[in-house]
Amino acid sequence: MTAAILAIVAALVPFAIWLYKRRAANNEDPYHQHELHREQIAKEIIHDDETSVRERFTNLQPSTFNLQHGSPANHHPRTIAPRRLDH
């Protein structure tokens, strides 16, 4: 029984070493580095897009508020709600 366990461990040790070396080599691989760089650029673009959308939304809020609440600058007869006549 002990010999069988030692044989399995002896077979797994080289496999574990191979996996470790493969991972180390993969991190140094130029293709892998290029992929990491492209992912970082994509994250920055997404972040910049979110920031610009927030800025545009913030800039649009006052004009949207004026349209909804009828400021004198945007006063137009079509924006006034009709009065209700109670009989």
N, C-alpha and C. Protein backbone atom coordinates (compact mmCIF):
# COMPACT_ATOMS: atom_id res chain seq x y z
N MET A 1 0.82 -1.19 0.00
CA MET A 1 0.00 0.00 0.00
C MET A 1 0.87 1.26 0.00
N THR A 2 1.90 1.26 0.82
CA THR A 2 2.80 2.40 0.89
C THR A 2 3.55 2.57 -0.43
N ALA A 3 3.91 1.47 -1.03
CA ALA A 3 4.62 1.53 -2.31
C ALA A 3 3.74 2.13 -3.40
N ALA A 4 2.45 1.83 -3.38
CA ALA A 4 1.52 2.38 -4.37
C ALA A 4 1.36 3.88 -4.20
N ILE A 5 1.28 4.32 -2.96
CA ILE A 5 1.15 5.76 -2.69
C ILE A 5 2.41 6.49 -3.12
N LEU A 6 3.58 5.91 -2.82
CA LEU A 6 4.84 6.53 -3.24
C LEU A 6 4.97 6.56 -4.76
N ALA A 7 4.48 5.55 -5.44
CA ALA A 7 4.52 5.54 -6.90
C ALA A 7 3.64 6.64 -7.48
N ILE A 8 2.48 6.84 -6.89
CA ILE A 8 1.57 7.91 -7.36
C ILE A 8 2.19 9.28 -7.10
N VAL A 9 2.75 9.47 -5.92
CA VAL A 9 3.40 10.75 -5.60
C VAL A 9 4.60 10.97 -6.51
N ALA A 10 5.37 9.93 -6.75
CA ALA A 10 6.53 10.05 -7.62
C ALA A 10 6.12 10.42 -9.05
N ALA A 11 4.94 9.99 -9.47
CA ALA A 11 4.46 10.34 -10.81
C ALA A 11 3.91 11.77 -10.84
N LEU A 12 3.35 12.22 -9.73
CA LEU A 12 2.75 13.55 -9.69
C LEU A 12 3.77 14.68 -9.51
N VAL A 13 4.89 14.40 -8.88
CA VAL A 13 5.90 15.44 -8.64
C VAL A 13 6.43 16.02 -9.96
N PRO A 14 6.85 15.21 -10.92
CA PRO A 14 7.30 15.81 -12.19
C PRO A 14 6.19 16.60 -12.90
N PHE A 15 4.97 16.10 -12.80
CA PHE A 15 3.85 16.81 -13.41
C PHE A 15 3.65 18.18 -12.76
N ALA A 16 3.76 18.25 -11.44
CA ALA A 16 3.62 19.52 -10.73
C ALA A 16 4.75 20.48 -11.10
N ILE A 17 5.95 19.97 -11.22
CA ILE A 17 7.08 20.81 -11.63
C ILE A 17 6.87 21.33 -13.04
N TRP A 18 6.40 20.48 -13.93
CA TRP A 18 6.13 20.91 -15.31
C TRP A 18 5.07 22.01 -15.35
N LEU A 19 4.00 21.87 -14.55
CA LEU A 19 2.96 22.91 -14.50
C LEU A 19 3.53 24.23 -13.99
N TYR A 20 4.36 24.17 -12.96
CA TYR A 20 4.97 25.38 -12.41
C TYR A 20 5.84 26.08 -13.45
N LYS A 21 6.67 25.32 -14.14
CA LYS A 21 7.55 25.91 -15.17
C LYS A 21 6.73 26.48 -16.32
N ARG A 22 5.67 25.78 -16.69
CA ARG A 22 4.82 26.25 -17.78
C ARG A 22 4.16 27.57 -17.44
N ARG A 23 3.68 27.67 -16.21
CA ARG A 23 3.04 28.92 -15.78
C ARG A 23 4.06 30.06 -15.76
N ALA A 24 5.26 29.80 -15.26
CA ALA A 24 6.30 30.83 -15.22
C ALA A 24 6.67 31.26 -16.63
N ALA A 25 6.78 30.31 -17.55
CA ALA A 25 7.12 30.65 -18.93
C ALA A 25 5.97 31.40 -19.60
N ASN A 26 4.74 31.06 -19.26
CA ASN A 26 3.58 31.71 -19.87
C ASN A 26 3.50 33.18 -19.46
N ASN A 27 3.87 33.50 -18.22
CA ASN A 27 3.84 34.88 -17.76
C ASN A 27 4.89 35.73 -18.46
N GLU A 28 5.97 35.12 -18.89
CA GLU A 28 7.03 35.85 -19.60
C GLU A 28 6.81 35.86 -21.11
N ASP A 29 5.85 35.15 -21.59
CA ASP A 29 5.57 35.04 -23.02
C ASP A 29 5.15 36.40 -23.58
N PRO A 30 5.75 36.87 -24.68
CA PRO A 30 5.37 38.16 -25.25
C PRO A 30 3.89 38.22 -25.65
N TYR A 31 3.35 37.13 -26.15
CA TYR A 31 1.94 37.13 -26.53
C TYR A 31 1.05 37.35 -25.31
N HIS A 32 1.40 36.69 -24.21
CA HIS A 32 0.64 36.85 -22.96
C HIS A 32 0.76 38.29 -22.45
N GLN A 33 1.95 38.85 -22.51
CA GLN A 33 2.15 40.24 -22.09
C GLN A 33 1.33 41.19 -22.97
N HIS A 34 1.28 40.91 -24.27
CA HIS A 34 0.50 41.73 -25.19
C HIS A 34 -0.99 41.65 -24.85
N GLU A 35 -1.48 40.46 -24.53
CA GLU A 35 -2.89 40.31 -24.15
C GLU A 35 -3.20 41.09 -22.88
N LEU A 36 -2.31 41.02 -21.90
CA LEU A 36 -2.52 41.77 -20.66
C LEU A 36 -2.55 43.28 -20.93
N HIS A 37 -1.68 43.73 -21.81
CA HIS A 37 -1.63 45.15 -22.17
C HIS A 37 -2.92 45.58 -22.86
N ARG A 38 -3.42 44.76 -23.77
CA ARG A 38 -4.67 45.09 -24.47
C ARG A 38 -5.86 45.10 -23.51
N GLU A 39 -5.88 44.18 -22.55
CA GLU A 39 -6.95 44.17 -21.55
C GLU A 39 -6.91 45.45 -20.71
N GLN A 40 -5.71 45.89 -20.35
CA GLN A 40 -5.57 47.12 -19.57
C GLN A 40 -6.05 48.32 -20.37
N ILE A 41 -5.71 48.37 -21.65
CA ILE A 41 -6.17 49.47 -22.50
C ILE A 41 -7.70 49.45 -22.60
N ALA A 42 -8.28 48.28 -22.77
CA ALA A 42 -9.74 48.16 -22.86
C ALA A 42 -10.41 48.65 -21.57
N LYS A 43 -9.84 48.31 -20.43
CA LYS A 43 -10.39 48.76 -19.15
C LYS A 43 -10.33 50.28 -19.04
N GLU A 44 -9.23 50.88 -19.50
CA GLU A 44 -9.10 52.33 -19.47
C GLU A 44 -10.12 52.99 -20.38
N ILE A 45 -10.33 52.42 -21.57
CA ILE A 45 -11.31 52.97 -22.50
C ILE A 45 -12.70 52.91 -21.90
N ILE A 46 -13.04 51.78 -21.29
CA ILE A 46 -14.36 51.64 -20.66
C ILE A 46 -14.51 52.65 -19.54
N HIS A 47 -13.47 52.82 -18.73
CA HIS A 47 -13.54 53.77 -17.62
C HIS A 47 -13.71 55.19 -18.15
N ASP A 48 -12.95 55.54 -19.21
CA ASP A 48 -13.06 56.87 -19.80
C ASP A 48 -14.45 57.10 -20.38
N ASP A 49 -15.02 56.06 -21.02
CA ASP A 49 -16.37 56.19 -21.56
C ASP A 49 -17.39 56.42 -20.46
N GLU A 50 -17.26 55.69 -19.35
CA GLU A 50 -18.18 55.89 -18.23
C GLU A 50 -18.05 57.29 -17.66
N THR A 51 -16.82 57.78 -17.56
CA THR A 51 -16.60 59.12 -17.04
C THR A 51 -17.20 60.16 -17.96
N SER A 52 -17.01 60.01 -19.26
CA SER A 52 -17.56 61.00 -20.20
C SER A 52 -19.08 60.95 -20.21
N VAL A 53 -19.66 59.77 -20.07
CA VAL A 53 -21.13 59.67 -20.02
C VAL A 53 -21.64 60.36 -18.76
N ARG A 54 -20.98 60.16 -17.65
CA ARG A 54 -21.40 60.83 -16.40
C ARG A 54 -21.31 62.34 -16.55
N GLU A 55 -20.21 62.83 -17.17
CA GLU A 55 -20.07 64.28 -17.36
C GLU A 55 -21.17 64.82 -18.27
N ARG A 56 -21.49 64.11 -19.34
CA ARG A 56 -22.55 64.56 -20.24
C ARG A 56 -23.89 64.57 -19.53
N PHE A 57 -24.16 63.53 -18.72
CA PHE A 57 -25.41 63.46 -18.00
C PHE A 57 -25.50 64.61 -17.00
N THR A 58 -24.39 64.91 -16.32
CA THR A 58 -24.38 66.00 -15.36
C THR A 58 -24.63 67.33 -16.07
N ASN A 59 -24.06 67.50 -17.25
CA ASN A 59 -24.27 68.73 -18.01
C ASN A 59 -25.69 68.82 -18.55
N LEU A 60 -26.35 67.70 -18.80
CA LEU A 60 -27.71 67.72 -19.33
C LEU A 60 -28.76 67.89 -18.25
N GLN A 61 -28.46 67.62 -17.02
CA GLN A 61 -29.46 67.67 -15.96
C GLN A 61 -30.12 69.03 -15.82
N PRO A 62 -29.40 70.15 -15.81
CA PRO A 62 -30.10 71.43 -15.67
C PRO A 62 -31.09 71.69 -16.82
N SER A 63 -30.71 71.38 -18.04
CA SER A 63 -31.62 71.64 -19.15
C SER A 63 -32.82 70.69 -19.09
N THR A 64 -32.61 69.46 -18.66
CA THR A 64 -33.72 68.53 -18.50
C THR A 64 -34.65 69.00 -17.40
N PHE A 65 -34.10 69.50 -16.32
CA PHE A 65 -34.92 70.02 -15.23
C PHE A 65 -35.75 71.20 -15.72
N ASN A 66 -35.13 72.08 -16.50
CA ASN A 66 -35.85 73.24 -17.02
C ASN A 66 -36.98 72.82 -17.95
N LEU A 67 -36.75 71.80 -18.75
CA LEU A 67 -37.81 71.33 -19.64
C LEU A 67 -38.97 70.73 -18.86
N GLN A 68 -38.65 70.02 -17.80
CA GLN A 68 -39.70 69.36 -17.03
C GLN A 68 -40.49 70.34 -16.17
N HIS A 69 -39.83 71.37 -15.66
CA HIS A 69 -40.49 72.26 -14.71
C HIS A 69 -40.80 73.64 -15.29
N GLY A 70 -40.57 73.84 -16.55
CA GLY A 70 -40.97 75.07 -17.22
C GLY A 70 -40.30 76.32 -16.71
N SER A 71 -39.02 76.46 -16.90
CA SER A 71 -38.34 77.69 -16.52
C SER A 71 -38.70 78.78 -17.52
N PRO A 72 -38.54 80.04 -17.15
CA PRO A 72 -38.88 81.12 -18.09
C PRO A 72 -38.07 81.07 -19.38
N ALA A 73 -36.85 80.56 -19.33
CA ALA A 73 -36.03 80.50 -20.54
C ALA A 73 -36.62 79.52 -21.55
N ASN A 74 -37.26 78.49 -21.08
CA ASN A 74 -37.81 77.48 -21.98
C ASN A 74 -39.34 77.52 -22.00
N HIS A 75 -39.92 78.66 -21.71
CA HIS A 75 -41.38 78.77 -21.63
C HIS A 75 -41.96 78.72 -23.04
N HIS A 76 -42.79 77.77 -23.25
CA HIS A 76 -43.42 77.60 -24.54
C HIS A 76 -44.85 77.14 -24.28
N PRO A 77 -45.83 77.61 -25.04
CA PRO A 77 -47.22 77.24 -24.74
C PRO A 77 -47.47 75.73 -24.74
N ARG A 78 -46.73 74.97 -25.51
CA ARG A 78 -46.96 73.53 -25.54
C ARG A 78 -46.45 72.84 -24.27
N THR A 79 -45.56 73.50 -23.52
CA THR A 79 -45.02 72.87 -22.31
C THR A 79 -45.91 73.12 -21.10
N ILE A 80 -46.88 74.00 -21.22
CA ILE A 80 -47.76 74.28 -20.10
C ILE A 80 -48.86 73.22 -20.07
N ALA A 81 -49.08 72.66 -18.91
CA ALA A 81 -50.11 71.65 -18.76
C ALA A 81 -51.49 72.33 -18.76
N PRO A 82 -52.46 71.75 -19.43
CA PRO A 82 -53.78 72.35 -19.46
C PRO A 82 -54.40 72.33 -18.07
N ARG A 83 -55.16 73.41 -17.78
CA ARG A 83 -55.81 73.49 -16.47
C ARG A 83 -57.05 72.63 -16.47
N ARG A 84 -57.34 72.11 -15.33
CA ARG A 84 -58.51 71.26 -15.19
C ARG A 84 -59.66 72.11 -14.70
N LEU A 85 -60.77 72.01 -15.35
CA LEU A 85 -61.94 72.75 -14.94
C LEU A 85 -62.87 71.83 -14.18
N ASP A 86 -63.15 72.18 -12.94
CA ASP A 86 -64.04 71.38 -12.13
C ASP A 86 -65.45 71.98 -12.22
N HIS A 87 -66.43 71.24 -12.69
CA HIS A 87 -67.80 71.73 -12.81
C HIS A 87 -68.61 71.23 -11.68
